[in-house]
C-alpha atoms as a PDB file:
ATOM      1  CA  UNK A   1      -3.102 -11.707  -5.317  1.00  0.00           C
ATOM      2  CA  UNK A   2      -3.759 -12.896  -1.208  1.00  0.00           C
ATOM      3  CA  UNK A   3      -3.278 -11.686   2.660  1.00  0.00           C
ATOM      4  CA  UNK A   4      -0.710 -14.201   2.326  1.00  0.00           C
ATOM      5  CA  UNK A   5       1.527 -13.283  -0.469  1.00  0.00           C
ATOM      6  CA  UNK A   6       1.880  -9.768   0.746  1.00  0.00           C
ATOM      7  CA  UNK A   7       2.669 -11.103   4.989  1.00  0.00           C
ATOM      8  CA  UNK A   8       5.295 -12.791   2.384  1.00  0.00           C
ATOM      9  CA  UNK A   9       6.186  -9.686   1.034  1.00  0.00           C
ATOM     10  CA  UNK A  10       6.386  -7.763   4.030  1.00  0.00           C
ATOM     11  CA  UNK A  11       8.584 -10.381   5.774  1.00  0.00           C
ATOM     12  CA  UNK A  12      10.854  -9.864   2.573  1.00  0.00           C
ATOM     13  CA  UNK A  13      10.911  -5.953   3.091  1.00  0.00           C
ATOM     14  CA  UNK A  14      11.549  -5.919   6.746  1.00  0.00           C
ATOM     15  CA  UNK A  15      14.783  -8.619   6.142  1.00  0.00           C
ATOM     16  CA  UNK A  16      16.054  -6.253   3.159  1.00  0.00           C
ATOM     17  CA  UNK A  17      15.407  -3.411   5.441  1.00  0.00           C
ATOM     18  CA  UNK A  18      13.474  -1.854   2.537  1.00  0.00           C
ATOM     19  CA  UNK A  19      11.173   1.008   5.220  1.00  0.00           C
ATOM     20  CA  UNK A  20       9.397   2.505   1.944  1.00  0.00           C
ATOM     21  CA  UNK A  21       8.993  -1.184   0.906  1.00  0.00           C
ATOM     22  CA  UNK A  22       7.544  -2.279   4.678  1.00  0.00           C
ATOM     23  CA  UNK A  23       5.604   1.072   4.758  1.00  0.00           C
ATOM     24  CA  UNK A  24       3.477   0.093   1.343  1.00  0.00           C
ATOM     25  CA  UNK A  25       2.991  -3.351   2.368  1.00  0.00           C
ATOM     26  CA  UNK A  26       1.207  -2.581   6.023  1.00  0.00           C
ATOM     27  CA  UNK A  27      -0.625   0.095   4.317  1.00  0.00           C
ATOM     28  CA  UNK A  28      -1.609  -2.681   1.820  1.00  0.00           C
ATOM     29  CA  UNK A  29      -2.102  -4.909   4.263  1.00  0.00           C
ATOM     30  CA  UNK A  30      -3.852  -3.202   7.046  1.00  0.00           C
ATOM     31  CA  UNK A  31      -6.683  -1.187   4.618  1.00  0.00           C
ATOM     32  CA  UNK A  32      -7.172  -4.970   3.967  1.00  0.00           C
ATOM     33  CA  UNK A  33      -8.378  -5.757   6.734  1.00  0.00           C
ATOM     34  CA  UNK A  34     -10.303  -3.334   7.470  1.00  0.00           C
ATOM     35  CA  UNK A  35     -12.663  -3.447   4.313  1.00  0.00           C
ATOM     36  CA  UNK A  36     -12.901  -6.883   5.708  1.00  0.00           C
ATOM     37  CA  UNK A  37     -13.549  -5.507   9.531  1.00  0.00           C
ATOM     38  CA  UNK A  38     -16.430  -2.842   7.642  1.00  0.00           C
ATOM     39  CA  UNK A  39     -17.853  -5.717   6.464  1.00  0.00           C
ATOM     40  CA  UNK A  40     -18.458  -8.039   8.849  1.00  0.00           C
ATOM     41  CA  UNK A  41     -15.508 -10.930   8.005  1.00  0.00           C
ATOM     42  CA  UNK A  42     -12.658 -12.763   9.384  1.00  0.00           C
ATOM     43  CA  UNK A  43     -11.335 -13.673   6.577  1.00  0.00           C
ATOM     44  CA  UNK A  44      -9.435 -11.543   3.883  1.00  0.00           C
ATOM     45  CA  UNK A  45     -10.368 -11.567   0.234  1.00  0.00           C
ATOM     46  CA  UNK A  46      -8.980 -11.754  -2.600  1.00  0.00           C
ATOM     47  CA  UNK A  47     -11.539  -8.592  -3.287  1.00  0.00           C
ATOM     48  CA  UNK A  48     -10.533  -7.266  -0.375  1.00  0.00           C
ATOM     49  CA  UNK A  49      -6.762  -6.981  -1.366  1.00  0.00           C
ATOM     50  CA  UNK A  50      -7.822  -5.490  -4.254  1.00  0.00           C
ATOM     51  CA  UNK A  51      -9.904  -2.899  -3.342  1.00  0.00           C
ATOM     52  CA  UNK A  52      -7.510  -1.633  -0.540  1.00  0.00           C
ATOM     53  CA  UNK A  53      -5.167  -1.902  -3.017  1.00  0.00           C
ATOM     54  CA  UNK A  54      -6.857   0.406  -5.509  1.00  0.00           C
ATOM     55  CA  UNK A  55      -7.487   2.097  -2.426  1.00  0.00           C
ATOM     56  CA  UNK A  56      -4.354   2.976  -1.447  1.00  0.00           C
ATOM     57  CA  UNK A  57      -3.413   3.802  -5.388  1.00  0.00           C
ATOM     58  CA  UNK A  58      -6.067   7.035  -4.865  1.00  0.00           C
ATOM     59  CA  UNK A  59      -4.513   7.928  -1.565  1.00  0.00           C
ATOM     60  CA  UNK A  60      -0.815   8.449  -2.716  1.00  0.00           C
ATOM     61  CA  UNK A  61      -2.466   9.652  -6.201  1.00  0.00           C
ATOM     62  CA  UNK A  62      -3.542  12.529  -3.900  1.00  0.00           C
ATOM     63  CA  UNK A  63      -0.168  12.691  -2.314  1.00  0.00           C
ATOM     64  CA  UNK A  64       0.758  13.528  -5.117  1.00  0.00           C
ATOM     65  CA  UNK A  65      -1.646  15.806  -7.018  1.00  0.00           C
ATOM     66  CA  UNK A  66      -2.038  18.263  -4.157  1.00  0.00           C
ATOM     67  CA  UNK A  67       1.932  18.474  -2.793  1.00  0.00           C
ATOM     68  CA  UNK A  68       3.316  21.470  -3.547  1.00  0.00           C
ATOM     69  CA  UNK A  69       6.052  21.472  -6.548  1.00  0.00           C
ATOM     70  CA  UNK A  70       8.539  23.475  -4.575  1.00  0.00           C
ATOM     71  CA  UNK A  71       8.803  20.390  -2.103  1.00  0.00           C
ATOM     72  CA  UNK A  72      10.303  18.107  -4.609  1.00  0.00           C
ATOM     73  CA  UNK A  73      11.526  15.873  -1.498  1.00  0.00           C
ATOM     74  CA  UNK A  74       8.469  15.296  -0.459  1.00  0.00           C
ATOM     75  CA  UNK A  75       7.129  14.956  -4.093  1.00  0.00           C
ATOM     76  CA  UNK A  76      10.418  12.349  -4.909  1.00  0.00           C
ATOM     77  CA  UNK A  77       9.068  10.850  -1.985  1.00  0.00           C
ATOM     78  CA  UNK A  78       5.382  10.136  -2.882  1.00  0.00           C
ATOM     79  CA  UNK A  79       6.069   9.227  -6.275  1.00  0.00           C
ATOM     80  CA  UNK A  80       8.865   6.726  -5.071  1.00  0.00           C
ATOM     81  CA  UNK A  81       5.880   4.966  -3.245  1.00  0.00           C
ATOM     82  CA  UNK A  82       3.468   5.325  -5.872  1.00  0.00           C
ATOM     83  CA  UNK A  83       6.172   3.702  -8.582  1.00  0.00           C
ATOM     84  CA  UNK A  84       6.606   0.531  -5.373  1.00  0.00           C
ATOM     85  CA  UNK A  85       2.621   0.159  -5.029  1.00  0.00           C
ATOM     86  CA  UNK A  86       2.222   0.269  -8.661  1.00  0.00           C
ATOM     87  CA  UNK A  87       4.620  -3.697  -8.719  1.00  0.00           C
ATOM     88  CA  UNK A  88       1.378  -4.449  -7.066  1.00  0.00           C
ATOM     89  CA  UNK A  89      -1.224  -3.542  -9.408  1.00  0.00           C
END
């Protein structure tokens, strides 16, 4: 997957007014750009995208693992984010 793919996903999600998917795709794009900057590159590579997906996946998994069980609304939201992200893995 490329940065262009995720930028197009962002546009489609915004048109569909899918706020959760917009949030997730923005997280992926931002993380990929940060990885490229940290490696002193201007262009985002597919390896950067893969690394960003894995990093965001870990963040979402940590949110699920550390969420108190009595906070079901947050737990459901975190699981939903993780499920949406899983479609890109």
